[in-house]
Amino acid sequence: MAAADSDPAISISTCPHCQREIPSSNIALHSAHYARNLQKCEHCGNIVPRKLVDQHYDENHAPASLFPNSKLLLDAVNS
């Protein structure tokens, strides 16, 4: 199989989801896979598996708590 940039007969399409150049013969399959399984993070633009979007946000973008152990403090105060 020849590389897309070495064969001028292969047309290239840009994926509307990830903006990557994909051979036109594969764009429908690529787009369907992307739409079903992946999501572009609205904060950083990284491509993240849909099932890990919340985890990605929590680990990378969620505001840091001023009192990370506040639940422990409240439990101690209330007991």
C-alpha atoms as a PDB file:
ATOM      1  CA  MET A   1       0.000   0.000   0.000  1.00  0.00           C
ATOM      2  CA  ALA A   2       1.523   3.325  -1.065  1.00  0.00           C
ATOM      3  CA  ALA A   3       1.636   6.348   1.198  1.00  0.00           C
ATOM      4  CA  ALA A   4      -0.990   8.985   0.441  1.00  0.00           C
ATOM      5  CA  ASP A   5       1.540  11.749  -0.171  1.00  0.00           C
ATOM      6  CA  SER A   6       3.593   9.672  -2.635  1.00  0.00           C
ATOM      7  CA  ASP A   7       0.670   8.777  -4.939  1.00  0.00           C
ATOM      8  CA  PRO A   8      -0.988  11.795  -6.578  1.00  0.00           C
ATOM      9  CA  ALA A   9      -3.997   9.635  -7.577  1.00  0.00           C
ATOM     10  CA  ILE A  10      -5.095   9.253  -3.945  1.00  0.00           C
ATOM     11  CA  SER A  11      -7.408  12.059  -2.929  1.00  0.00           C
ATOM     12  CA  ILE A  12      -7.339  13.360   0.612  1.00  0.00           C
ATOM     13  CA  SER A  13     -10.232  14.588   2.757  1.00  0.00           C
ATOM     14  CA  THR A  14     -10.082  16.435   6.057  1.00  0.00           C
ATOM     15  CA  CYS A  15     -11.935  14.828   8.931  1.00  0.00           C
ATOM     16  CA  PRO A  16     -14.551  17.279  10.248  1.00  0.00           C
ATOM     17  CA  HIS A  17     -14.000  15.998  13.791  1.00  0.00           C
ATOM     18  CA  CYS A  18     -10.223  15.903  14.256  1.00  0.00           C
ATOM     19  CA  GLN A  19      -9.075  18.002  11.281  1.00  0.00           C
ATOM     20  CA  ARG A  20      -6.634  15.270  10.191  1.00  0.00           C
ATOM     21  CA  GLU A  21      -6.072  14.474   6.530  1.00  0.00           C
ATOM     22  CA  ILE A  22      -7.498  11.041   5.707  1.00  0.00           C
ATOM     23  CA  PRO A  23      -7.551   9.224   2.344  1.00  0.00           C
ATOM     24  CA  SER A  24     -10.976   9.899   0.825  1.00  0.00           C
ATOM     25  CA  SER A  25     -11.618   6.188   0.455  1.00  0.00           C
ATOM     26  CA  ASN A  26     -11.422   5.842   4.268  1.00  0.00           C
ATOM     27  CA  ILE A  27     -13.094   9.062   5.411  1.00  0.00           C
ATOM     28  CA  ALA A  28     -16.557   7.577   6.030  1.00  0.00           C
ATOM     29  CA  LEU A  29     -15.168   4.772   8.199  1.00  0.00           C
ATOM     30  CA  HIS A  30     -12.796   7.144  10.007  1.00  0.00           C
ATOM     31  CA  SER A  31     -15.560   9.679  10.703  1.00  0.00           C
ATOM     32  CA  ALA A  32     -17.948   7.013  11.976  1.00  0.00           C
ATOM     33  CA  HIS A  33     -15.288   5.566  14.288  1.00  0.00           C
ATOM     34  CA  TYR A  34     -14.349   9.012  15.568  1.00  0.00           C
ATOM     35  CA  ALA A  35     -17.952  10.090  16.189  1.00  0.00           C
ATOM     36  CA  ARG A  36     -18.747   6.847  18.017  1.00  0.00           C
ATOM     37  CA  ASN A  37     -15.594   6.442  20.121  1.00  0.00           C
ATOM     38  CA  LEU A  38     -13.655   9.682  20.439  1.00  0.00           C
ATOM     39  CA  GLN A  39     -14.237  13.285  21.418  1.00  0.00           C
ATOM     40  CA  LYS A  40     -12.115  16.395  21.117  1.00  0.00           C
ATOM     41  CA  CYS A  41     -11.604  18.028  24.504  1.00  0.00           C
ATOM     42  CA  GLU A  42     -13.183  21.480  24.456  1.00  0.00           C
ATOM     43  CA  HIS A  43     -10.530  22.757  26.872  1.00  0.00           C
ATOM     44  CA  CYS A  44      -7.245  21.544  25.387  1.00  0.00           C
ATOM     45  CA  GLY A  45      -8.144  20.068  21.985  1.00  0.00           C
ATOM     46  CA  ASN A  46      -6.752  16.610  22.777  1.00  0.00           C
ATOM     47  CA  ILE A  47      -8.550  13.619  21.332  1.00  0.00           C
ATOM     48  CA  VAL A  48      -9.984  11.595  24.238  1.00  0.00           C
ATOM     49  CA  PRO A  49     -11.933   8.312  24.279  1.00  0.00           C
ATOM     50  CA  ARG A  50     -15.581   9.160  25.057  1.00  0.00           C
ATOM     51  CA  LYS A  51     -15.635   6.872  28.077  1.00  0.00           C
ATOM     52  CA  LEU A  52     -12.684   8.775  29.608  1.00  0.00           C
ATOM     53  CA  VAL A  53     -13.851  12.365  28.979  1.00  0.00           C
ATOM     54  CA  ASP A  54     -14.939  12.961  32.593  1.00  0.00           C
ATOM     55  CA  GLN A  55     -11.713  11.473  33.942  1.00  0.00           C
ATOM     56  CA  HIS A  56      -9.659  13.592  31.503  1.00  0.00           C
ATOM     57  CA  TYR A  57     -11.478  16.723  32.665  1.00  0.00           C
ATOM     58  CA  ASP A  58     -11.048  15.885  36.350  1.00  0.00           C
ATOM     59  CA  GLU A  59      -7.336  15.150  35.972  1.00  0.00           C
ATOM     60  CA  ASN A  60      -6.458  18.040  33.650  1.00  0.00           C
ATOM     61  CA  HIS A  61      -8.986  20.864  33.775  1.00  0.00           C
ATOM     62  CA  ALA A  62     -11.133  20.758  36.922  1.00  0.00           C
ATOM     63  CA  PRO A  63     -10.545  23.694  39.256  1.00  0.00           C
ATOM     64  CA  ALA A  64      -8.379  22.752  42.204  1.00  0.00           C
ATOM     65  CA  SER A  65     -10.203  22.663  45.481  1.00  0.00           C
ATOM     66  CA  LEU A  66      -8.975  25.116  48.103  1.00  0.00           C
ATOM     67  CA  PHE A  67      -9.713  22.445  50.696  1.00  0.00           C
ATOM     68  CA  PRO A  68      -8.946  19.063  49.112  1.00  0.00           C
ATOM     69  CA  ASN A  69      -9.663  17.219  52.364  1.00  0.00           C
ATOM     70  CA  SER A  70     -12.743  19.274  53.255  1.00  0.00           C
ATOM     71  CA  LYS A  71     -14.947  16.171  53.556  1.00  0.00           C
ATOM     72  CA  LEU A  72     -12.526  14.719  56.085  1.00  0.00           C
ATOM     73  CA  LEU A  73     -12.527  18.010  58.012  1.00  0.00           C
ATOM     74  CA  LEU A  74     -16.319  18.177  58.062  1.00  0.00           C
ATOM     75  CA  ASP A  75     -16.568  14.572  59.203  1.00  0.00           C
ATOM     76  CA  ALA A  76     -14.100  15.281  62.022  1.00  0.00           C
ATOM     77  CA  VAL A  77     -15.936  18.426  63.103  1.00  0.00           C
ATOM     78  CA  ASN A  78     -19.359  16.776  63.018  1.00  0.00           C
ATOM     79  CA  SER A  79     -18.340  13.724  65.058  1.00  0.00           C
END
